[in-house]
Amino acid sequence: MNSNFYRNNWYYIGGVLFLILGVILAVFWNDFDVLRRLTIMSFMAVLAHEFEEYGFPGGFPSMYNLVFRPSGDNPALGPLNQKSAIFANVTIAYPLWGLPILFPDVIWLGLAPILFGMGQIILHGIQFNIKMRSIYNPGVFTTVFMFWPVGVYYIHYIYTNGLIEWWTFPVAIVLFIVTLIFGVSLPVTNWFNRKDPKDAFSEKEMSRFGVAEKLQKLHSKKV
């Protein structure tokens, strides 16, 4: 597969993977135990979340670079760019959400991405909406209606079935934090923030959801 094609379409490819997982889940529902069903749904949630952020309605690159961490004269270049987005959302996220499907009985492994997904409410449900004075931004829908329902039921299930040890949550939280730092924060703000033009988001990616226009209107109201 051409690298440029993947660079510009990874979230659409993730959408196709979402559909494939949905078919697998439906066909083999009775063959999967509850934990495997939940871990598959958790992976589907992150794929849908990424599609909402970058594909439809999209606009997360502008939300991050114009609203959350504005930096420089060319927001298409960073701090978030195509390279760091793929690293965080594919290289890191796919194993983080995919491995629990293969090992559903390793509870701390499944719990870490659950907490990561539910934690999206801080950025999407609170920080972005406060800054934009809004109730929606790309990523809110899947956070509220996918990450949280799956997460709440997962935690309820492992708790009521006695699958939690005293160390389960601490280990999962450590994995969550390590992933956040080394899988998202440092790659975006440091490792891949090199201002290389070939890593810039396309004009189409930056224009989705009309973030720049919304921000301009917001600033004009303040004046």
N, C-alpha and C. Protein backbone atom coordinates (compact mmCIF):
# COMPACT_ATOMS: atom_id res chain seq x y z
N MET A 1 0.84 -1.19 0.00
CA MET A 1 0.00 0.00 0.00
C MET A 1 0.88 1.25 0.00
N ASN A 2 0.56 2.20 -0.88
CA ASN A 2 1.32 3.44 -0.97
C ASN A 2 1.25 4.19 0.35
N SER A 3 2.43 4.63 0.85
CA SER A 3 2.48 5.29 2.16
C SER A 3 1.70 6.59 2.17
N ASN A 4 1.73 7.34 1.07
CA ASN A 4 0.98 8.59 1.00
C ASN A 4 -0.52 8.33 1.03
N PHE A 5 -0.94 7.25 0.38
CA PHE A 5 -2.36 6.89 0.41
C PHE A 5 -2.79 6.59 1.83
N TYR A 6 -1.99 5.79 2.54
CA TYR A 6 -2.34 5.44 3.91
C TYR A 6 -2.31 6.68 4.80
N ARG A 7 -1.33 7.53 4.61
CA ARG A 7 -1.18 8.74 5.41
C ARG A 7 -2.43 9.61 5.33
N ASN A 8 -3.05 9.63 4.16
CA ASN A 8 -4.22 10.48 3.95
C ASN A 8 -5.55 9.77 4.18
N ASN A 9 -5.49 8.46 4.40
CA ASN A 9 -6.75 7.70 4.48
C ASN A 9 -6.80 6.70 5.63
N TRP A 10 -5.87 6.77 6.58
CA TRP A 10 -5.81 5.75 7.62
C TRP A 10 -7.10 5.65 8.42
N TYR A 11 -7.77 6.77 8.65
CA TYR A 11 -9.01 6.76 9.44
C TYR A 11 -10.17 6.18 8.65
N TYR A 12 -10.13 6.28 7.31
CA TYR A 12 -11.14 5.61 6.49
C TYR A 12 -10.89 4.10 6.49
N ILE A 13 -9.62 3.71 6.43
CA ILE A 13 -9.28 2.29 6.52
C ILE A 13 -9.70 1.75 7.88
N GLY A 14 -9.52 2.55 8.92
CA GLY A 14 -10.00 2.18 10.24
C GLY A 14 -11.51 2.00 10.27
N GLY A 15 -12.22 2.82 9.48
CA GLY A 15 -13.67 2.68 9.38
C GLY A 15 -14.06 1.36 8.75
N VAL A 16 -13.29 0.92 7.75
CA VAL A 16 -13.54 -0.38 7.13
C VAL A 16 -13.28 -1.50 8.14
N LEU A 17 -12.21 -1.36 8.92
CA LEU A 17 -11.91 -2.34 9.96
C LEU A 17 -13.03 -2.40 11.00
N PHE A 18 -13.61 -1.24 11.30
CA PHE A 18 -14.77 -1.17 12.21
C PHE A 18 -15.91 -2.05 11.68
N LEU A 19 -16.21 -1.93 10.40
CA LEU A 19 -17.28 -2.71 9.79
C LEU A 19 -16.96 -4.21 9.82
N ILE A 20 -15.70 -4.54 9.54
CA ILE A 20 -15.29 -5.95 9.56
C ILE A 20 -15.45 -6.54 10.96
N LEU A 21 -15.01 -5.79 11.97
CA LEU A 21 -15.15 -6.26 13.35
C LEU A 21 -16.62 -6.39 13.73
N GLY A 22 -17.45 -5.47 13.23
CA GLY A 22 -18.88 -5.54 13.50
C GLY A 22 -19.50 -6.80 12.93
N VAL A 23 -19.10 -7.17 11.72
CA VAL A 23 -19.61 -8.40 11.10
C VAL A 23 -19.13 -9.62 11.87
N ILE A 24 -17.85 -9.64 12.24
CA ILE A 24 -17.30 -10.76 13.01
C ILE A 24 -18.03 -10.90 14.34
N LEU A 25 -18.28 -9.78 15.00
CA LEU A 25 -18.97 -9.81 16.29
C LEU A 25 -20.38 -10.35 16.14
N ALA A 26 -21.07 -9.93 15.08
CA ALA A 26 -22.44 -10.38 14.87
C ALA A 26 -22.50 -11.87 14.53
N VAL A 27 -21.60 -12.31 13.67
CA VAL A 27 -21.62 -13.71 13.21
C VAL A 27 -21.23 -14.67 14.33
N PHE A 28 -20.22 -14.28 15.12
CA PHE A 28 -19.69 -15.18 16.14
C PHE A 28 -20.10 -14.78 17.55
N TRP A 29 -21.16 -14.01 17.68
CA TRP A 29 -21.59 -13.51 18.99
C TRP A 29 -21.73 -14.63 20.01
N ASN A 30 -22.40 -15.69 19.66
CA ASN A 30 -22.65 -16.78 20.60
C ASN A 30 -21.40 -17.60 20.90
N ASP A 31 -20.38 -17.48 20.05
CA ASP A 31 -19.14 -18.22 20.27
C ASP A 31 -18.16 -17.46 21.15
N PHE A 32 -18.37 -16.16 21.29
CA PHE A 32 -17.47 -15.33 22.10
C PHE A 32 -18.01 -15.20 23.52
N ASP A 33 -17.10 -15.24 24.50
CA ASP A 33 -17.54 -14.95 25.86
C ASP A 33 -17.71 -13.44 26.02
N VAL A 34 -18.24 -13.05 27.17
CA VAL A 34 -18.58 -11.64 27.39
C VAL A 34 -17.36 -10.73 27.28
N LEU A 35 -16.24 -11.16 27.85
CA LEU A 35 -15.04 -10.32 27.83
C LEU A 35 -14.54 -10.10 26.41
N ARG A 36 -14.59 -11.14 25.58
CA ARG A 36 -14.12 -10.95 24.21
C ARG A 36 -15.09 -10.05 23.43
N ARG A 37 -16.37 -10.19 23.67
CA ARG A 37 -17.33 -9.28 23.03
C ARG A 37 -17.02 -7.83 23.41
N LEU A 38 -16.79 -7.61 24.69
CA LEU A 38 -16.55 -6.25 25.17
C LEU A 38 -15.24 -5.68 24.64
N THR A 39 -14.21 -6.51 24.56
CA THR A 39 -12.94 -5.99 24.04
C THR A 39 -13.03 -5.69 22.54
N ILE A 40 -13.81 -6.47 21.82
CA ILE A 40 -14.03 -6.16 20.40
C ILE A 40 -14.80 -4.85 20.27
N MET A 41 -15.84 -4.68 21.09
CA MET A 41 -16.61 -3.44 21.05
C MET A 41 -15.76 -2.25 21.46
N SER A 42 -14.83 -2.47 22.37
CA SER A 42 -13.92 -1.41 22.79
C SER A 42 -13.02 -0.99 21.63
N PHE A 43 -12.51 -1.97 20.88
CA PHE A 43 -11.68 -1.66 19.70
C PHE A 43 -12.52 -0.94 18.64
N MET A 44 -13.75 -1.39 18.45
CA MET A 44 -14.64 -0.73 17.50
C MET A 44 -14.89 0.72 17.91
N ALA A 45 -14.98 0.95 19.22
CA ALA A 45 -15.22 2.31 19.71
C ALA A 45 -14.07 3.24 19.36
N VAL A 46 -12.83 2.77 19.51
CA VAL A 46 -11.70 3.65 19.20
C VAL A 46 -11.60 3.89 17.70
N LEU A 47 -11.94 2.90 16.89
CA LEU A 47 -11.94 3.09 15.44
C LEU A 47 -12.99 4.12 15.03
N ALA A 48 -14.18 4.02 15.62
CA ALA A 48 -15.23 4.99 15.34
C ALA A 48 -14.84 6.38 15.83
N HIS A 49 -14.18 6.41 16.98
CA HIS A 49 -13.73 7.68 17.56
C HIS A 49 -12.74 8.38 16.64
N GLU A 50 -11.79 7.62 16.12
CA GLU A 50 -10.80 8.19 15.21
C GLU A 50 -11.44 8.67 13.92
N PHE A 51 -12.44 7.93 13.43
CA PHE A 51 -13.15 8.36 12.23
C PHE A 51 -13.91 9.65 12.49
N GLU A 52 -14.54 9.74 13.65
CA GLU A 52 -15.26 10.97 14.00
C GLU A 52 -14.30 12.16 14.10
N GLU A 53 -13.12 11.93 14.65
CA GLU A 53 -12.15 13.00 14.82
C GLU A 53 -11.55 13.47 13.50
N TYR A 54 -11.22 12.53 12.62
CA TYR A 54 -10.45 12.87 11.43
C TYR A 54 -11.24 12.78 10.12
N GLY A 55 -12.25 11.90 10.06
CA GLY A 55 -12.98 11.68 8.82
C GLY A 55 -14.28 12.45 8.73
N PHE A 56 -15.27 12.04 9.52
CA PHE A 56 -16.56 12.72 9.55
C PHE A 56 -17.07 12.86 10.97
N PRO A 57 -17.38 14.06 11.44
CA PRO A 57 -17.23 15.30 10.68
C PRO A 57 -15.78 15.75 10.53
N GLY A 58 -14.86 15.14 11.28
CA GLY A 58 -13.46 15.53 11.21
C GLY A 58 -13.23 16.87 11.90
N GLY A 59 -12.01 17.37 11.75
CA GLY A 59 -11.69 18.66 12.34
C GLY A 59 -10.80 18.60 13.56
N PHE A 60 -10.48 17.38 14.03
CA PHE A 60 -9.65 17.27 15.22
C PHE A 60 -8.27 17.90 15.03
N PRO A 61 -7.62 17.76 13.86
CA PRO A 61 -6.32 18.43 13.69
C PRO A 61 -6.39 19.93 13.96
N SER A 62 -7.45 20.58 13.48
CA SER A 62 -7.61 22.02 13.74
C SER A 62 -7.98 22.28 15.19
N MET A 63 -8.81 21.41 15.77
CA MET A 63 -9.16 21.57 17.18
C MET A 63 -7.91 21.51 18.04
N TYR A 64 -7.02 20.59 17.73
CA TYR A 64 -5.82 20.43 18.54
C TYR A 64 -4.84 21.58 18.31
N ASN A 65 -4.59 21.91 17.04
CA ASN A 65 -3.53 22.87 16.71
C ASN A 65 -3.96 24.33 16.78
N LEU A 66 -5.26 24.58 16.71
CA LEU A 66 -5.75 25.96 16.79
C LEU A 66 -6.35 26.29 18.14
N VAL A 67 -6.97 25.30 18.77
CA VAL A 67 -7.71 25.55 20.01
C VAL A 67 -6.96 25.05 21.25
N PHE A 68 -6.52 23.80 21.21
CA PHE A 68 -5.93 23.19 22.40
C PHE A 68 -4.48 23.59 22.61
N ARG A 69 -3.68 23.49 21.55
CA ARG A 69 -2.26 23.85 21.66
C ARG A 69 -1.84 24.69 20.46
N PRO A 70 -2.35 25.92 20.36
CA PRO A 70 -1.97 26.76 19.22
C PRO A 70 -0.48 27.07 19.23
N SER A 71 0.16 26.87 18.07
CA SER A 71 1.61 27.08 18.01
C SER A 71 2.03 27.34 16.58
N GLY A 72 2.68 28.47 16.33
CA GLY A 72 3.25 28.75 15.02
C GLY A 72 2.26 29.34 14.04
N ASP A 73 2.79 29.69 12.88
CA ASP A 73 1.99 30.33 11.84
C ASP A 73 1.30 29.35 10.93
N ASN A 74 1.71 28.09 10.96
CA ASN A 74 1.11 27.08 10.09
C ASN A 74 0.57 25.93 10.93
N PRO A 75 -0.69 26.01 11.34
CA PRO A 75 -1.26 24.97 12.21
C PRO A 75 -1.34 23.60 11.56
N ALA A 76 -1.25 23.53 10.24
CA ALA A 76 -1.28 22.23 9.56
C ALA A 76 -0.03 21.41 9.87
N LEU A 77 1.03 22.10 10.32
CA LEU A 77 2.31 21.43 10.58
C LEU A 77 2.46 20.95 12.02
N GLY A 78 1.65 21.46 12.92
CA GLY A 78 1.83 20.99 14.28
C GLY A 78 1.26 21.92 15.32
N PRO A 79 1.38 21.47 16.58
CA PRO A 79 2.22 20.35 17.04
C PRO A 79 1.74 18.97 16.56
N LEU A 80 0.42 18.78 16.41
CA LEU A 80 -0.07 17.51 15.87
C LEU A 80 0.07 17.55 14.35
N ASN A 81 0.65 16.50 13.77
CA ASN A 81 0.74 16.40 12.32
C ASN A 81 0.37 14.99 11.88
N GLN A 82 0.43 14.73 10.59
CA GLN A 82 0.02 13.42 10.10
C GLN A 82 0.86 12.29 10.70
N LYS A 83 2.15 12.52 10.83
CA LYS A 83 3.02 11.46 11.35
C LYS A 83 2.70 11.13 12.80
N SER A 84 2.56 12.14 13.64
CA SER A 84 2.27 11.89 15.05
C SER A 84 0.85 11.35 15.22
N ALA A 85 -0.07 11.77 14.35
CA ALA A 85 -1.44 11.27 14.42
C ALA A 85 -1.49 9.78 14.12
N ILE A 86 -0.77 9.35 13.10
CA ILE A 86 -0.73 7.93 12.75
C ILE A 86 -0.02 7.13 13.85
N PHE A 87 1.04 7.69 14.39
CA PHE A 87 1.77 6.99 15.46
C PHE A 87 0.86 6.75 16.65
N ALA A 88 0.15 7.79 17.08
CA ALA A 88 -0.70 7.68 18.27
C ALA A 88 -1.94 6.82 18.01
N ASN A 89 -2.57 7.03 16.86
CA ASN A 89 -3.87 6.42 16.59
C ASN A 89 -3.80 5.04 15.94
N VAL A 90 -2.66 4.69 15.39
CA VAL A 90 -2.52 3.38 14.75
C VAL A 90 -1.42 2.56 15.43
N THR A 91 -0.19 3.07 15.38
CA THR A 91 0.95 2.32 15.92
C THR A 91 0.77 1.99 17.40
N ILE A 92 0.24 2.93 18.15
CA ILE A 92 0.03 2.72 19.59
C ILE A 92 -1.36 2.19 19.88
N ALA A 93 -2.38 2.81 19.30
CA ALA A 93 -3.76 2.46 19.66
C ALA A 93 -4.17 1.06 19.22
N TYR A 94 -3.77 0.63 18.04
CA TYR A 94 -4.21 -0.68 17.57
C TYR A 94 -3.72 -1.82 18.47
N PRO A 95 -2.45 -1.85 18.87
CA PRO A 95 -2.04 -2.89 19.82
C PRO A 95 -2.70 -2.73 21.19
N LEU A 96 -2.85 -1.47 21.65
CA LEU A 96 -3.43 -1.24 22.97
C LEU A 96 -4.85 -1.78 23.04
N TRP A 97 -5.64 -1.56 22.00
CA TRP A 97 -7.02 -2.03 21.97
C TRP A 97 -7.14 -3.43 21.38
N GLY A 98 -6.16 -3.84 20.58
CA GLY A 98 -6.25 -5.14 19.92
C GLY A 98 -5.81 -6.32 20.77
N LEU A 99 -4.75 -6.13 21.56
CA LEU A 99 -4.24 -7.24 22.38
C LEU A 99 -5.27 -7.79 23.36
N PRO A 100 -6.11 -6.95 23.99
CA PRO A 100 -7.12 -7.51 24.89
C PRO A 100 -8.11 -8.44 24.20
N ILE A 101 -8.30 -8.28 22.89
CA ILE A 101 -9.17 -9.21 22.17
C ILE A 101 -8.54 -10.61 22.15
N LEU A 102 -7.23 -10.65 22.00
CA LEU A 102 -6.51 -11.93 21.98
C LEU A 102 -6.37 -12.52 23.37
N PHE A 103 -6.29 -11.64 24.37
CA PHE A 103 -6.10 -12.10 25.76
C PHE A 103 -7.15 -11.45 26.67
N PRO A 104 -8.43 -11.77 26.47
CA PRO A 104 -9.50 -11.11 27.22
C PRO A 104 -9.48 -11.40 28.71
N ASP A 105 -8.84 -12.50 29.11
CA ASP A 105 -8.81 -12.84 30.53
C ASP A 105 -7.72 -12.10 31.30
N VAL A 106 -6.86 -11.39 30.59
CA VAL A 106 -5.86 -10.54 31.25
C VAL A 106 -6.54 -9.20 31.51
N ILE A 107 -7.15 -9.07 32.67
CA ILE A 107 -8.07 -7.97 32.93
C ILE A 107 -7.38 -6.61 32.89
N TRP A 108 -6.20 -6.49 33.47
CA TRP A 108 -5.53 -5.19 33.47
C TRP A 108 -5.21 -4.73 32.05
N LEU A 109 -4.98 -5.70 31.15
CA LEU A 109 -4.69 -5.36 29.76
C LEU A 109 -5.92 -4.80 29.06
N GLY A 110 -7.08 -5.34 29.40
CA GLY A 110 -8.32 -4.84 28.82
C GLY A 110 -8.81 -3.57 29.48
N LEU A 111 -8.48 -3.42 30.76
CA LEU A 111 -8.95 -2.26 31.51
C LEU A 111 -8.24 -0.97 31.10
N ALA A 112 -6.96 -1.07 30.75
CA ALA A 112 -6.19 0.13 30.39
C ALA A 112 -6.81 0.90 29.23
N PRO A 113 -7.11 0.26 28.09
CA PRO A 113 -7.76 1.01 27.02
C PRO A 113 -9.17 1.47 27.37
N ILE A 114 -9.85 0.73 28.22
CA ILE A 114 -11.17 1.16 28.68
C ILE A 114 -11.04 2.50 29.40
N LEU A 115 -10.08 2.61 30.31
CA LEU A 115 -9.86 3.86 31.04
C LEU A 115 -9.40 4.97 30.10
N PHE A 116 -8.57 4.60 29.13
CA PHE A 116 -8.09 5.58 28.15
C PHE A 116 -9.27 6.17 27.38
N GLY A 117 -10.14 5.28 26.92
CA GLY A 117 -11.30 5.74 26.16
C GLY A 117 -12.24 6.60 26.99
N MET A 118 -12.54 6.16 28.21
CA MET A 118 -13.42 6.93 29.07
C MET A 118 -12.80 8.27 29.43
N GLY A 119 -11.47 8.30 29.52
CA GLY A 119 -10.76 9.53 29.84
C GLY A 119 -10.87 10.59 28.76
N GLN A 120 -11.29 10.20 27.55
CA GLN A 120 -11.47 11.17 26.47
C GLN A 120 -12.50 12.23 26.82
N ILE A 121 -13.35 11.93 27.80
CA ILE A 121 -14.37 12.90 28.19
C ILE A 121 -13.75 14.19 28.72
N ILE A 122 -12.54 14.10 29.27
CA ILE A 122 -11.87 15.29 29.81
C ILE A 122 -11.53 16.25 28.68
N LEU A 123 -10.94 15.72 27.60
CA LEU A 123 -10.55 16.57 26.47
C LEU A 123 -11.76 16.98 25.65
N HIS A 124 -12.57 15.99 25.25
CA HIS A 124 -13.68 16.28 24.34
C HIS A 124 -14.91 16.85 25.04
N GLY A 125 -15.20 16.33 26.21
CA GLY A 125 -16.42 16.77 26.89
C GLY A 125 -16.26 18.04 27.69
N ILE A 126 -15.02 18.33 28.11
CA ILE A 126 -14.81 19.48 28.99
C ILE A 126 -13.91 20.53 28.34
N GLN A 127 -12.64 20.19 28.09
CA GLN A 127 -11.67 21.20 27.66
C GLN A 127 -12.03 21.85 26.33
N PHE A 128 -12.29 21.05 25.31
CA PHE A 128 -12.64 21.61 24.01
C PHE A 128 -13.91 22.44 24.08
N ASN A 129 -14.92 21.93 24.77
CA ASN A 129 -16.19 22.64 24.82
C ASN A 129 -16.10 23.94 25.60
N ILE A 130 -15.28 23.97 26.63
CA ILE A 130 -15.07 25.22 27.36
C ILE A 130 -14.39 26.24 26.46
N LYS A 131 -13.34 25.80 25.78
CA LYS A 131 -12.59 26.73 24.92
C LYS A 131 -13.43 27.23 23.75
N MET A 132 -14.30 26.37 23.21
CA MET A 132 -15.10 26.74 22.04
C MET A 132 -16.51 27.20 22.42
N ARG A 133 -16.83 27.14 23.71
CA ARG A 133 -18.18 27.49 24.18
C ARG A 133 -19.22 26.70 23.40
N SER A 134 -19.02 25.41 23.36
CA SER A 134 -19.87 24.54 22.55
C SER A 134 -20.30 23.33 23.36
N ILE A 135 -21.16 22.52 22.77
CA ILE A 135 -21.56 21.26 23.40
C ILE A 135 -21.10 20.07 22.57
N TYR A 136 -20.57 20.35 21.37
CA TYR A 136 -20.07 19.26 20.52
C TYR A 136 -18.75 19.65 19.87
N ASN A 137 -17.89 18.66 19.75
CA ASN A 137 -16.67 18.76 18.95
C ASN A 137 -16.37 17.35 18.44
N PRO A 138 -15.59 17.22 17.38
CA PRO A 138 -15.34 15.90 16.80
C PRO A 138 -14.68 14.94 17.79
N GLY A 139 -15.43 13.96 18.24
CA GLY A 139 -14.95 12.99 19.22
C GLY A 139 -15.89 12.85 20.40
N VAL A 140 -16.78 13.82 20.59
CA VAL A 140 -17.70 13.79 21.73
C VAL A 140 -18.69 12.64 21.60
N PHE A 141 -19.27 12.47 20.43
CA PHE A 141 -20.33 11.47 20.25
C PHE A 141 -19.84 10.08 20.61
N THR A 142 -18.71 9.68 20.05
CA THR A 142 -18.21 8.33 20.31
C THR A 142 -17.71 8.17 21.74
N THR A 143 -17.25 9.26 22.35
CA THR A 143 -16.84 9.20 23.75
C THR A 143 -18.04 8.91 24.64
N VAL A 144 -19.13 9.65 24.42
CA VAL A 144 -20.31 9.53 25.27
C VAL A 144 -21.11 8.26 24.99
N PHE A 145 -21.25 7.92 23.71
CA PHE A 145 -22.16 6.83 23.34
C PHE A 145 -21.47 5.51 23.00
N MET A 146 -20.13 5.49 23.02
CA MET A 146 -19.43 4.23 22.77
C MET A 146 -18.43 3.93 23.88
N PHE A 147 -17.45 4.81 24.07
CA PHE A 147 -16.44 4.57 25.11
C PHE A 147 -17.08 4.37 26.49
N TRP A 148 -17.99 5.27 26.85
CA TRP A 148 -18.55 5.20 28.21
C TRP A 148 -19.49 4.03 28.43
N PRO A 149 -20.44 3.74 27.55
CA PRO A 149 -21.29 2.56 27.78
C PRO A 149 -20.50 1.26 27.84
N VAL A 150 -19.55 1.08 26.90
CA VAL A 150 -18.73 -0.13 26.91
C VAL A 150 -17.88 -0.17 28.17
N GLY A 151 -17.30 0.97 28.52
CA GLY A 151 -16.43 1.04 29.70
C GLY A 151 -17.16 0.76 30.99
N VAL A 152 -18.33 1.36 31.15
CA VAL A 152 -19.11 1.16 32.38
C VAL A 152 -19.51 -0.30 32.51
N TYR A 153 -19.95 -0.91 31.41
CA TYR A 153 -20.37 -2.31 31.49
C TYR A 153 -19.17 -3.22 31.74
N TYR A 154 -18.03 -2.91 31.12
CA TYR A 154 -16.83 -3.72 31.32
C TYR A 154 -16.43 -3.71 32.80
N ILE A 155 -16.38 -2.52 33.39
CA ILE A 155 -16.00 -2.41 34.80
C ILE A 155 -17.03 -3.10 35.69
N HIS A 156 -18.31 -2.92 35.37
CA HIS A 156 -19.37 -3.59 36.13
C HIS A 156 -19.21 -5.11 36.05
N TYR A 157 -18.90 -5.61 34.87
CA TYR A 157 -18.80 -7.06 34.67
C TYR A 157 -17.61 -7.64 35.43
N ILE A 158 -16.45 -7.03 35.32
CA ILE A 158 -15.28 -7.59 35.99
C ILE A 158 -15.40 -7.46 37.50
N TYR A 159 -16.14 -6.44 37.95
CA TYR A 159 -16.33 -6.27 39.39
C TYR A 159 -17.32 -7.30 39.94
N THR A 160 -18.47 -7.43 39.30
CA THR A 160 -19.50 -8.35 39.80
C THR A 160 -19.10 -9.81 39.66
N ASN A 161 -18.17 -10.10 38.76
CA ASN A 161 -17.74 -11.49 38.58
C ASN A 161 -16.43 -11.80 39.30
N GLY A 162 -16.00 -10.90 40.16
CA GLY A 162 -14.82 -11.15 40.97
C GLY A 162 -13.54 -11.29 40.19
N LEU A 163 -13.41 -10.54 39.10
CA LEU A 163 -12.22 -10.65 38.25
C LEU A 163 -11.17 -9.60 38.56
N ILE A 164 -11.42 -8.79 39.57
CA ILE A 164 -10.49 -7.71 39.90
C ILE A 164 -9.65 -8.10 41.12
N GLU A 165 -8.34 -8.03 40.97
CA GLU A 165 -7.43 -8.19 42.10
C GLU A 165 -7.11 -6.79 42.65
N TRP A 166 -6.44 -6.75 43.78
CA TRP A 166 -6.13 -5.44 44.38
C TRP A 166 -5.22 -4.61 43.48
N TRP A 167 -4.44 -5.31 42.65
CA TRP A 167 -3.47 -4.61 41.81
C TRP A 167 -3.97 -4.34 40.40
N THR A 168 -5.17 -4.79 40.06
CA THR A 168 -5.67 -4.67 38.69
C THR A 168 -5.77 -3.22 38.24
N PHE A 169 -6.45 -2.40 39.03
CA PHE A 169 -6.60 -1.00 38.66
C PHE A 169 -5.28 -0.24 38.66
N PRO A 170 -4.43 -0.42 39.68
CA PRO A 170 -3.13 0.27 39.64
C PRO A 170 -2.30 -0.05 38.40
N VAL A 171 -2.24 -1.33 38.03
CA VAL A 171 -1.46 -1.72 36.85
C VAL A 171 -2.08 -1.12 35.59
N ALA A 172 -3.40 -1.18 35.48
CA ALA A 172 -4.09 -0.63 34.31
C ALA A 172 -3.88 0.88 34.22
N ILE A 173 -3.93 1.56 35.35
CA ILE A 173 -3.73 3.01 35.37
C ILE A 173 -2.31 3.37 34.96
N VAL A 174 -1.33 2.59 35.44
CA VAL A 174 0.06 2.83 35.05
C VAL A 174 0.22 2.65 33.54
N LEU A 175 -0.35 1.59 32.98
CA LEU A 175 -0.28 1.36 31.54
C LEU A 175 -0.96 2.50 30.78
N PHE A 176 -2.08 2.96 31.29
CA PHE A 176 -2.80 4.08 30.69
C PHE A 176 -1.93 5.33 30.68
N ILE A 177 -1.31 5.65 31.80
CA ILE A 177 -0.49 6.86 31.91
C ILE A 177 0.76 6.76 31.04
N VAL A 178 1.42 5.60 31.07
CA VAL A 178 2.62 5.39 30.25
C VAL A 178 2.27 5.56 28.77
N THR A 179 1.14 4.99 28.36
CA THR A 179 0.70 5.13 26.97
C THR A 179 0.41 6.57 26.63
N LEU A 180 -0.24 7.28 27.54
CA LEU A 180 -0.57 8.68 27.31
C LEU A 180 0.68 9.52 27.12
N ILE A 181 1.70 9.25 27.94
CA ILE A 181 2.94 10.04 27.87
C ILE A 181 3.77 9.67 26.66
N PHE A 182 4.06 8.36 26.52
CA PHE A 182 4.99 7.92 25.48
C PHE A 182 4.31 7.58 24.15
N GLY A 183 3.01 7.41 24.18
CA GLY A 183 2.29 7.08 22.96
C GLY A 183 1.57 8.25 22.32
N VAL A 184 1.33 9.30 23.12
CA VAL A 184 0.59 10.45 22.61
C VAL A 184 1.32 11.77 22.86
N SER A 185 1.53 12.09 24.13
CA SER A 185 2.04 13.42 24.48
C SER A 185 3.43 13.71 23.89
N LEU A 186 4.40 12.87 24.19
CA LEU A 186 5.76 13.11 23.70
C LEU A 186 5.87 13.02 22.18
N PRO A 187 5.24 12.04 21.53
CA PRO A 187 5.30 12.01 20.07
C PRO A 187 4.74 13.28 19.43
N VAL A 188 3.63 13.79 19.99
CA VAL A 188 2.99 14.97 19.41
C VAL A 188 3.79 16.24 19.69
N THR A 189 4.23 16.42 20.92
CA THR A 189 4.87 17.68 21.30
C THR A 189 6.37 17.71 21.06
N ASN A 190 6.99 16.53 20.86
CA ASN A 190 8.45 16.51 20.78
C ASN A 190 8.98 15.64 19.64
N TRP A 191 8.73 14.35 19.71
CA TRP A 191 9.38 13.41 18.81
C TRP A 191 9.09 13.68 17.34
N PHE A 192 7.83 13.94 17.01
CA PHE A 192 7.45 14.11 15.60
C PHE A 192 7.05 15.54 15.27
N ASN A 193 7.31 16.45 16.17
CA ASN A 193 6.97 17.85 15.94
C ASN A 193 8.15 18.56 15.29
N ARG A 194 8.46 18.16 14.05
CA ARG A 194 9.66 18.63 13.36
C ARG A 194 9.38 19.67 12.28
N LYS A 195 8.12 20.04 12.09
CA LYS A 195 7.74 21.05 11.09
C LYS A 195 8.18 20.66 9.68
N ASP A 196 8.14 19.37 9.38
CA ASP A 196 8.47 18.90 8.04
C ASP A 196 7.22 19.04 7.17
N PRO A 197 7.29 19.79 6.06
CA PRO A 197 6.10 20.02 5.23
C PRO A 197 5.39 18.75 4.77
N LYS A 198 6.12 17.68 4.59
CA LYS A 198 5.49 16.45 4.11
C LYS A 198 4.61 15.81 5.18
N ASP A 199 4.77 16.23 6.43
CA ASP A 199 3.97 15.69 7.52
C ASP A 199 2.73 16.54 7.81
N ALA A 200 2.57 17.64 7.08
CA ALA A 200 1.46 18.55 7.34
C ALA A 200 0.12 17.92 6.99
N PHE A 201 -0.92 18.28 7.74
CA PHE A 201 -2.27 17.86 7.38
C PHE A 201 -2.67 18.57 6.09
N SER A 202 -3.51 17.91 5.31
CA SER A 202 -3.99 18.51 4.07
C SER A 202 -4.96 19.65 4.37
N GLU A 203 -5.18 20.47 3.38
CA GLU A 203 -6.14 21.58 3.54
C GLU A 203 -7.53 21.05 3.86
N LYS A 204 -7.89 19.93 3.23
CA LYS A 204 -9.19 19.33 3.49
C LYS A 204 -9.31 18.88 4.95
N GLU A 205 -8.26 18.25 5.47
CA GLU A 205 -8.28 17.79 6.86
C GLU A 205 -8.39 18.95 7.83
N MET A 206 -7.72 20.06 7.51
CA MET A 206 -7.75 21.22 8.40
C MET A 206 -9.06 22.00 8.32
N SER A 207 -9.77 21.86 7.20
CA SER A 207 -10.99 22.65 7.02
C SER A 207 -12.24 21.96 7.56
N ARG A 208 -12.15 20.68 7.86
CA ARG A 208 -13.33 19.95 8.33
C ARG A 208 -13.85 20.53 9.65
N PHE A 209 -15.15 20.57 9.76
CA PHE A 209 -15.88 21.07 10.93
C PHE A 209 -15.77 22.59 11.07
N GLY A 210 -15.07 23.25 10.15
CA GLY A 210 -14.99 24.70 10.15
C GLY A 210 -14.45 25.29 11.45
N VAL A 211 -13.44 24.66 12.00
CA VAL A 211 -12.90 25.09 13.29
C VAL A 211 -12.36 26.51 13.24
N ALA A 212 -11.60 26.83 12.20
CA ALA A 212 -11.01 28.17 12.10
C ALA A 212 -12.09 29.23 12.05
N GLU A 213 -13.16 28.97 11.30
CA GLU A 213 -14.26 29.93 11.20
C GLU A 213 -14.98 30.09 12.54
N LYS A 214 -15.22 28.96 13.22
CA LYS A 214 -15.88 29.01 14.52
C LYS A 214 -15.03 29.79 15.52
N LEU A 215 -13.73 29.58 15.47
CA LEU A 215 -12.82 30.27 16.38
C LEU A 215 -12.80 31.76 16.08
N GLN A 216 -12.82 32.11 14.82
CA GLN A 216 -12.82 33.52 14.43
C GLN A 216 -14.09 34.22 14.92
N LYS A 217 -15.24 33.56 14.77
CA LYS A 217 -16.50 34.13 15.25
C LYS A 217 -16.48 34.29 16.76
N LEU A 218 -15.90 33.32 17.44
CA LEU A 218 -15.81 33.38 18.90
C LEU A 218 -14.97 34.56 19.34
N HIS A 219 -13.85 34.78 18.67
CA HIS A 219 -12.96 35.89 19.01
C HIS A 219 -13.60 37.23 18.68
N SER A 220 -14.37 37.29 17.60
CA SER A 220 -15.03 38.54 17.23
C SER A 220 -16.10 38.92 18.24
N LYS A 221 -16.76 37.92 18.83
CA LYS A 221 -17.75 38.19 19.87
C LYS A 221 -17.10 38.74 21.12
N LYS A 222 -15.90 38.23 21.43
CA LYS A 222 -15.19 38.71 22.62
C LYS A 222 -14.80 40.17 22.46
N VAL A 223 -14.42 40.55 21.22
CA VAL A 223 -14.03 41.93 20.95
C VAL A 223 -15.25 42.84 20.99
